[in-house]
């Protein structure tokens, strides 16, 4: 092999991490955090990609959990909307307060669900004397 060939072999061995880091003469065999730091420096070509892979996996898990949580929330809201429509069929008209007490949720959530049903076209919004908004099924 030529001089360039030997240099390339040494360079490839050093970059792959097959050659351990040469200890400095003033470096003693120490223990604790400094020894860990030296070990990480010696095996950095494996450690840092492994840390990156772990971070990537954690991000993927977090995104997956968020998607599952969002799907469950959508199913829950759809179930509440179906319950509201069943209540409307039984009582013919409801206010946000009545809906909140029937479903066991707060008034603002009930109002939001009723407004979504109005936007979907399932309910019609009306006003009672005193400014109270009531809802009824469309077509009744």
N, C-alpha and C. Protein backbone atom coordinates (compact mmCIF):
# COMPACT_ATOMS: atom_id res chain seq x y z
N UNK A 1 0.84 -1.18 0.00
CA UNK A 1 0.00 0.00 0.00
C UNK A 1 0.88 1.23 0.00
N UNK A 2 0.30 2.23 -0.53
CA UNK A 2 1.04 3.48 -0.59
C UNK A 2 0.77 4.30 0.66
N UNK A 3 1.42 5.43 0.73
CA UNK A 3 1.26 6.34 1.86
C UNK A 3 -0.19 6.83 1.94
N UNK A 4 -0.79 7.12 0.80
CA UNK A 4 -2.18 7.61 0.76
C UNK A 4 -3.12 6.49 1.22
N UNK A 5 -2.85 5.27 0.84
CA UNK A 5 -3.68 4.14 1.26
C UNK A 5 -3.64 3.95 2.77
N UNK A 6 -2.42 4.04 3.35
CA UNK A 6 -2.30 3.92 4.81
C UNK A 6 -3.03 5.05 5.51
N UNK A 7 -2.94 6.24 4.99
CA UNK A 7 -3.61 7.40 5.59
C UNK A 7 -5.13 7.22 5.54
N UNK A 8 -5.65 6.70 4.42
CA UNK A 8 -7.10 6.48 4.31
C UNK A 8 -7.57 5.39 5.27
N UNK A 9 -6.78 4.36 5.45
CA UNK A 9 -7.15 3.30 6.38
C UNK A 9 -7.17 3.84 7.80
N UNK A 10 -6.16 4.62 8.18
CA UNK A 10 -6.12 5.20 9.52
C UNK A 10 -7.29 6.16 9.72
N UNK A 11 -7.61 6.93 8.70
CA UNK A 11 -8.72 7.88 8.80
C UNK A 11 -10.05 7.14 8.93
N UNK A 12 -10.23 6.07 8.14
CA UNK A 12 -11.48 5.33 8.23
C UNK A 12 -11.61 4.62 9.57
N UNK A 13 -10.51 4.08 10.09
CA UNK A 13 -10.55 3.42 11.40
C UNK A 13 -10.87 4.44 12.48
N UNK A 14 -10.33 5.63 12.39
CA UNK A 14 -10.57 6.66 13.40
C UNK A 14 -12.01 7.16 13.33
N UNK A 15 -12.57 7.28 12.12
CA UNK A 15 -13.94 7.80 12.01
C UNK A 15 -14.97 6.74 12.38
N UNK A 16 -14.69 5.48 12.16
CA UNK A 16 -15.62 4.42 12.51
C UNK A 16 -15.58 4.17 14.02
N UNK A 17 -14.53 4.53 14.66
CA UNK A 17 -14.45 4.37 16.10
C UNK A 17 -13.77 3.08 16.52
N UNK A 18 -13.06 2.45 15.62
CA UNK A 18 -12.38 1.21 15.97
C UNK A 18 -11.12 1.49 16.78
N UNK A 19 -10.56 2.64 16.58
CA UNK A 19 -9.36 2.99 17.32
C UNK A 19 -9.78 3.79 18.56
N UNK A 20 -9.40 3.34 19.75
CA UNK A 20 -9.76 4.10 20.95
C UNK A 20 -9.01 5.42 21.02
N UNK A 21 -9.58 6.32 21.77
CA UNK A 21 -8.96 7.63 21.94
C UNK A 21 -7.67 7.45 22.74
N UNK A 22 -6.64 8.09 22.26
CA UNK A 22 -5.36 8.00 22.95
C UNK A 22 -5.43 8.84 24.21
N UNK A 23 -4.98 8.27 25.33
CA UNK A 23 -5.01 9.00 26.59
C UNK A 23 -3.88 10.00 26.62
N UNK A 24 -4.20 11.13 27.20
CA UNK A 24 -3.17 12.14 27.39
C UNK A 24 -2.29 11.70 28.56
N UNK A 25 -1.03 12.12 28.54
CA UNK A 25 -0.13 11.68 29.60
C UNK A 25 -0.57 12.14 30.99
N UNK A 26 -1.20 13.30 31.09
CA UNK A 26 -1.59 13.81 32.41
C UNK A 26 -2.96 13.27 32.85
N UNK A 27 -3.57 12.46 32.03
CA UNK A 27 -4.89 11.92 32.33
C UNK A 27 -4.75 10.66 33.17
N UNK A 28 -5.35 10.67 34.33
CA UNK A 28 -5.30 9.49 35.20
C UNK A 28 -6.57 8.66 34.96
N UNK A 29 -6.56 7.44 35.42
CA UNK A 29 -7.76 6.62 35.33
C UNK A 29 -8.74 7.12 36.39
N UNK A 30 -9.64 7.98 35.97
CA UNK A 30 -10.56 8.58 36.91
C UNK A 30 -11.91 7.88 36.85
N UNK A 31 -12.71 8.10 37.86
CA UNK A 31 -14.02 7.50 37.92
C UNK A 31 -15.05 8.61 38.01
N UNK A 32 -16.29 8.26 37.79
CA UNK A 32 -17.36 9.23 37.95
C UNK A 32 -17.75 9.89 36.64
N UNK A 33 -18.25 11.11 36.74
CA UNK A 33 -18.77 11.81 35.56
C UNK A 33 -17.72 12.05 34.49
N UNK A 34 -16.48 12.30 34.91
CA UNK A 34 -15.42 12.56 33.93
C UNK A 34 -15.11 11.30 33.13
N UNK A 35 -15.15 10.15 33.78
CA UNK A 35 -14.92 8.89 33.06
C UNK A 35 -16.05 8.64 32.07
N UNK A 36 -17.28 8.97 32.48
CA UNK A 36 -18.41 8.84 31.56
C UNK A 36 -18.24 9.76 30.36
N UNK A 37 -17.81 10.98 30.62
CA UNK A 37 -17.61 11.94 29.53
C UNK A 37 -16.54 11.43 28.56
N UNK A 38 -15.47 10.88 29.08
CA UNK A 38 -14.43 10.34 28.21
C UNK A 38 -14.93 9.14 27.41
N UNK A 39 -15.75 8.31 28.05
CA UNK A 39 -16.32 7.17 27.34
C UNK A 39 -17.22 7.66 26.20
N UNK A 40 -18.02 8.70 26.47
CA UNK A 40 -18.89 9.25 25.41
C UNK A 40 -18.05 9.84 24.28
N UNK A 41 -16.96 10.51 24.62
CA UNK A 41 -16.08 11.04 23.58
C UNK A 41 -15.46 9.92 22.76
N UNK A 42 -15.08 8.83 23.42
CA UNK A 42 -14.47 7.71 22.71
C UNK A 42 -15.45 7.02 21.77
N UNK A 43 -16.71 6.93 22.16
CA UNK A 43 -17.71 6.20 21.40
C UNK A 43 -18.78 7.14 20.83
N UNK A 44 -18.41 8.36 20.55
CA UNK A 44 -19.36 9.37 20.08
C UNK A 44 -20.03 9.03 18.76
N UNK A 45 -19.35 8.30 17.89
CA UNK A 45 -19.94 7.94 16.61
C UNK A 45 -21.10 6.98 16.76
N UNK A 46 -21.21 6.31 17.89
CA UNK A 46 -22.33 5.42 18.15
C UNK A 46 -23.34 6.08 19.09
N UNK A 47 -22.81 6.80 20.09
CA UNK A 47 -23.67 7.37 21.13
C UNK A 47 -24.58 8.46 20.58
N UNK A 48 -24.04 9.39 19.83
CA UNK A 48 -24.85 10.52 19.36
C UNK A 48 -25.94 10.12 18.37
N UNK A 49 -25.67 9.24 17.40
CA UNK A 49 -26.79 8.78 16.57
C UNK A 49 -27.84 8.00 17.37
N UNK A 50 -27.38 7.27 18.39
CA UNK A 50 -28.33 6.54 19.24
C UNK A 50 -29.21 7.52 20.02
N UNK A 51 -28.64 8.59 20.53
CA UNK A 51 -29.43 9.61 21.22
C UNK A 51 -30.42 10.25 20.25
N UNK A 52 -29.97 10.54 19.04
CA UNK A 52 -30.87 11.10 18.03
C UNK A 52 -32.02 10.14 17.71
N UNK A 53 -31.72 8.86 17.62
CA UNK A 53 -32.75 7.86 17.36
C UNK A 53 -33.76 7.79 18.50
N UNK A 54 -33.27 7.85 19.73
CA UNK A 54 -34.16 7.82 20.89
C UNK A 54 -35.07 9.04 20.89
N UNK A 55 -34.53 10.20 20.59
CA UNK A 55 -35.35 11.42 20.53
C UNK A 55 -36.40 11.29 19.43
N UNK A 56 -36.01 10.78 18.28
CA UNK A 56 -36.97 10.59 17.18
C UNK A 56 -38.09 9.65 17.59
N UNK A 57 -37.76 8.55 18.25
CA UNK A 57 -38.78 7.59 18.68
C UNK A 57 -39.72 8.24 19.70
N UNK A 58 -39.19 9.03 20.62
CA UNK A 58 -40.03 9.71 21.60
C UNK A 58 -40.98 10.70 20.94
N UNK A 59 -40.51 11.41 19.92
CA UNK A 59 -41.37 12.35 19.20
C UNK A 59 -42.48 11.59 18.47
N UNK A 60 -42.14 10.48 17.84
CA UNK A 60 -43.15 9.68 17.14
C UNK A 60 -44.19 9.15 18.12
N UNK A 61 -43.77 8.69 19.28
CA UNK A 61 -44.71 8.21 20.30
C UNK A 61 -45.62 9.33 20.77
N UNK A 62 -45.06 10.52 20.99
CA UNK A 62 -45.87 11.66 21.44
C UNK A 62 -46.91 12.05 20.40
N UNK A 63 -46.51 12.07 19.14
CA UNK A 63 -47.46 12.42 18.07
C UNK A 63 -48.55 11.36 17.97
N UNK A 64 -48.18 10.11 18.09
CA UNK A 64 -49.17 9.03 18.03
C UNK A 64 -50.17 9.12 19.17
N UNK A 65 -49.69 9.38 20.38
CA UNK A 65 -50.60 9.52 21.52
C UNK A 65 -51.53 10.71 21.34
N UNK A 66 -51.01 11.80 20.80
CA UNK A 66 -51.86 12.97 20.57
C UNK A 66 -52.95 12.66 19.56
N UNK A 67 -52.62 11.90 18.53
CA UNK A 67 -53.62 11.53 17.53
C UNK A 67 -54.69 10.63 18.14
N UNK A 68 -54.29 9.68 18.95
CA UNK A 68 -55.24 8.77 19.59
C UNK A 68 -56.14 9.55 20.55
N UNK A 69 -55.55 10.47 21.29
CA UNK A 69 -56.32 11.29 22.23
C UNK A 69 -57.33 12.15 21.49
N UNK A 70 -56.93 12.70 20.36
CA UNK A 70 -57.83 13.53 19.57
C UNK A 70 -58.98 12.70 19.00
N UNK A 71 -58.68 11.49 18.56
CA UNK A 71 -59.74 10.61 18.04
C UNK A 71 -60.75 10.27 19.13
N UNK A 72 -60.27 10.03 20.35
CA UNK A 72 -61.17 9.72 21.46
C UNK A 72 -62.05 10.92 21.80
N UNK A 73 -61.47 12.12 21.73
CA UNK A 73 -62.24 13.33 22.00
C UNK A 73 -63.33 13.53 20.95
N UNK A 74 -63.01 13.27 19.70
CA UNK A 74 -64.00 13.40 18.63
C UNK A 74 -65.12 12.39 18.83
N UNK A 75 -64.79 11.16 19.19
CA UNK A 75 -65.83 10.15 19.43
C UNK A 75 -66.71 10.55 20.60
N UNK A 76 -66.10 11.10 21.64
CA UNK A 76 -66.86 11.54 22.80
C UNK A 76 -67.82 12.67 22.44
N UNK A 77 -67.35 13.64 21.66
CA UNK A 77 -68.20 14.75 21.23
C UNK A 77 -69.33 14.25 20.35
N UNK A 78 -69.04 13.30 19.47
CA UNK A 78 -70.09 12.75 18.60
C UNK A 78 -71.14 12.02 19.44
N UNK A 79 -70.71 11.30 20.47
CA UNK A 79 -71.65 10.63 21.36
C UNK A 79 -72.52 11.62 22.12
N UNK A 80 -71.92 12.72 22.57
CA UNK A 80 -72.70 13.76 23.24
C UNK A 80 -73.70 14.41 22.30
N UNK A 81 -73.30 14.63 21.05
CA UNK A 81 -74.23 15.21 20.06
C UNK A 81 -75.40 14.27 19.79
N UNK A 82 -75.11 12.98 19.71
CA UNK A 82 -76.20 12.01 19.51
C UNK A 82 -77.16 12.01 20.70
N UNK A 83 -76.62 12.14 21.90
CA UNK A 83 -77.45 12.21 23.10
C UNK A 83 -78.32 13.46 23.08
N UNK A 84 -77.76 14.57 22.62
CA UNK A 84 -78.53 15.82 22.52
C UNK A 84 -79.69 15.65 21.55
N UNK A 85 -79.44 15.02 20.41
CA UNK A 85 -80.52 14.81 19.42
C UNK A 85 -81.60 13.92 20.03
N UNK A 86 -81.22 12.89 20.78
CA UNK A 86 -82.22 12.04 21.43
C UNK A 86 -83.02 12.83 22.47
N UNK A 87 -82.35 13.72 23.20
CA UNK A 87 -83.05 14.57 24.16
C UNK A 87 -84.03 15.51 23.46
N UNK A 88 -83.61 16.02 22.31
CA UNK A 88 -84.47 16.92 21.55
C UNK A 88 -85.73 16.19 21.09
N UNK A 89 -85.59 14.95 20.70
CA UNK A 89 -86.75 14.18 20.25
C UNK A 89 -87.71 13.93 21.41
N UNK A 90 -87.16 13.79 22.61
CA UNK A 90 -88.00 13.53 23.78
C UNK A 90 -88.65 14.80 24.32
N UNK A 91 -87.93 15.93 24.29
CA UNK A 91 -88.43 17.14 24.92
C UNK A 91 -88.84 18.23 23.93
N UNK A 92 -88.55 18.07 22.66
CA UNK A 92 -88.87 18.99 21.57
C UNK A 92 -88.03 20.26 21.56
N UNK A 93 -87.69 20.84 22.69
CA UNK A 93 -86.80 22.00 22.69
C UNK A 93 -86.01 22.02 23.99
N UNK A 94 -84.78 22.53 23.89
CA UNK A 94 -83.89 22.60 25.04
C UNK A 94 -83.11 23.91 25.00
N UNK A 95 -82.67 24.35 26.17
CA UNK A 95 -81.73 25.46 26.26
C UNK A 95 -80.35 24.87 26.60
N UNK A 96 -79.36 25.72 26.57
CA UNK A 96 -78.00 25.26 26.90
C UNK A 96 -77.93 24.81 28.36
N UNK A 97 -78.65 25.50 29.26
CA UNK A 97 -78.64 25.11 30.67
C UNK A 97 -79.28 23.74 30.87
N UNK A 98 -80.40 23.50 30.22
CA UNK A 98 -81.06 22.21 30.35
C UNK A 98 -80.18 21.09 29.80
N UNK A 99 -79.55 21.36 28.68
CA UNK A 99 -78.67 20.36 28.06
C UNK A 99 -77.49 20.05 28.98
N UNK A 100 -76.94 21.10 29.60
CA UNK A 100 -75.79 20.91 30.50
C UNK A 100 -76.17 20.05 31.69
N UNK A 101 -77.35 20.27 32.26
CA UNK A 101 -77.75 19.46 33.42
C UNK A 101 -78.05 18.02 33.00
N UNK A 102 -78.65 17.84 31.83
CA UNK A 102 -78.98 16.48 31.36
C UNK A 102 -77.72 15.67 31.07
N UNK A 103 -76.73 16.31 30.46
CA UNK A 103 -75.50 15.60 30.08
C UNK A 103 -74.44 15.59 31.18
N UNK A 104 -74.59 16.44 32.19
CA UNK A 104 -73.60 16.51 33.26
C UNK A 104 -72.33 17.22 32.84
N UNK A 105 -72.44 18.19 31.94
CA UNK A 105 -71.28 18.97 31.50
C UNK A 105 -71.55 20.43 31.83
N UNK A 106 -70.56 21.29 31.62
CA UNK A 106 -70.80 22.70 31.92
C UNK A 106 -71.59 23.37 30.79
N UNK A 107 -72.11 24.54 31.08
CA UNK A 107 -73.00 25.25 30.16
C UNK A 107 -72.29 25.62 28.86
N UNK A 108 -71.01 25.97 28.94
CA UNK A 108 -70.28 26.40 27.74
C UNK A 108 -70.04 25.24 26.78
N UNK A 109 -69.75 24.08 27.33
CA UNK A 109 -69.60 22.90 26.46
C UNK A 109 -70.93 22.56 25.79
N UNK A 110 -72.01 22.64 26.57
CA UNK A 110 -73.33 22.34 26.01
C UNK A 110 -73.67 23.34 24.91
N UNK A 111 -73.38 24.60 25.15
CA UNK A 111 -73.65 25.63 24.14
C UNK A 111 -72.84 25.39 22.87
N UNK A 112 -71.59 24.99 23.03
CA UNK A 112 -70.73 24.70 21.87
C UNK A 112 -71.28 23.52 21.08
N UNK A 113 -71.69 22.47 21.78
CA UNK A 113 -72.25 21.30 21.09
C UNK A 113 -73.53 21.66 20.35
N UNK A 114 -74.39 22.46 20.99
CA UNK A 114 -75.64 22.87 20.34
C UNK A 114 -75.36 23.73 19.11
N UNK A 115 -74.38 24.63 19.21
CA UNK A 115 -74.02 25.46 18.04
C UNK A 115 -73.47 24.61 16.91
N UNK A 116 -72.69 23.57 17.23
CA UNK A 116 -72.18 22.68 16.19
C UNK A 116 -73.33 21.95 15.50
N UNK A 117 -74.32 21.54 16.28
CA UNK A 117 -75.48 20.87 15.68
C UNK A 117 -76.29 21.83 14.81
N UNK A 118 -76.32 23.10 15.16
CA UNK A 118 -76.99 24.10 14.31
C UNK A 118 -76.22 24.25 13.01
N UNK A 119 -74.90 24.29 13.08
CA UNK A 119 -74.07 24.42 11.87
C UNK A 119 -74.22 23.20 10.97
N UNK A 120 -74.38 22.02 11.57
CA UNK A 120 -74.57 20.81 10.78
C UNK A 120 -75.96 20.74 10.16
N UNK A 121 -76.89 21.54 10.68
CA UNK A 121 -78.24 21.56 10.13
C UNK A 121 -79.20 20.63 10.84
N UNK A 122 -78.83 20.08 11.98
CA UNK A 122 -79.71 19.18 12.71
C UNK A 122 -80.68 19.94 13.61
N UNK A 123 -80.26 21.10 14.11
CA UNK A 123 -81.07 21.90 15.02
C UNK A 123 -81.31 23.29 14.45
N UNK A 124 -82.36 23.93 15.00
CA UNK A 124 -82.67 25.32 14.65
C UNK A 124 -82.63 26.11 15.94
N UNK A 125 -82.05 27.29 15.87
CA UNK A 125 -81.92 28.14 17.03
C UNK A 125 -83.10 29.12 17.08
N UNK A 126 -83.65 29.34 18.27
CA UNK A 126 -84.74 30.29 18.46
C UNK A 126 -84.51 31.07 19.73
N UNK A 127 -85.32 32.12 19.94
CA UNK A 127 -85.19 32.95 21.13
C UNK A 127 -86.48 32.92 21.93
N UNK A 128 -86.34 32.77 23.23
CA UNK A 128 -87.46 32.85 24.14
C UNK A 128 -87.53 34.27 24.69
N UNK A 129 -88.66 34.67 25.25
CA UNK A 129 -88.71 35.98 25.89
C UNK A 129 -87.66 36.08 26.99
N UNK A 130 -87.01 37.20 27.10
CA UNK A 130 -85.94 37.37 28.08
C UNK A 130 -84.57 37.14 27.48
N UNK A 131 -84.51 36.82 26.19
CA UNK A 131 -83.22 36.66 25.51
C UNK A 131 -82.59 35.29 25.64
N UNK A 132 -83.32 34.33 26.21
CA UNK A 132 -82.79 32.97 26.35
C UNK A 132 -82.88 32.27 25.00
N UNK A 133 -81.78 31.64 24.60
CA UNK A 133 -81.73 30.93 23.33
C UNK A 133 -82.16 29.49 23.56
N UNK A 134 -83.12 29.03 22.76
CA UNK A 134 -83.50 27.63 22.83
C UNK A 134 -83.27 26.98 21.48
N UNK A 135 -83.20 25.68 21.48
CA UNK A 135 -82.92 24.91 20.28
C UNK A 135 -84.01 23.86 20.11
N UNK A 136 -84.32 23.59 18.84
CA UNK A 136 -85.28 22.54 18.53
C UNK A 136 -84.81 21.81 17.29
N UNK A 137 -85.36 20.65 17.05
CA UNK A 137 -84.99 19.89 15.86
C UNK A 137 -85.49 20.61 14.61
N UNK A 138 -84.72 20.53 13.59
CA UNK A 138 -85.09 21.16 12.33
C UNK A 138 -86.28 20.41 11.74
N UNK A 139 -87.28 21.17 11.32
CA UNK A 139 -88.44 20.57 10.71
C UNK A 139 -89.60 20.40 11.69
N UNK A 140 -89.41 20.72 12.95
CA UNK A 140 -90.51 20.62 13.93
C UNK A 140 -91.02 21.98 14.30
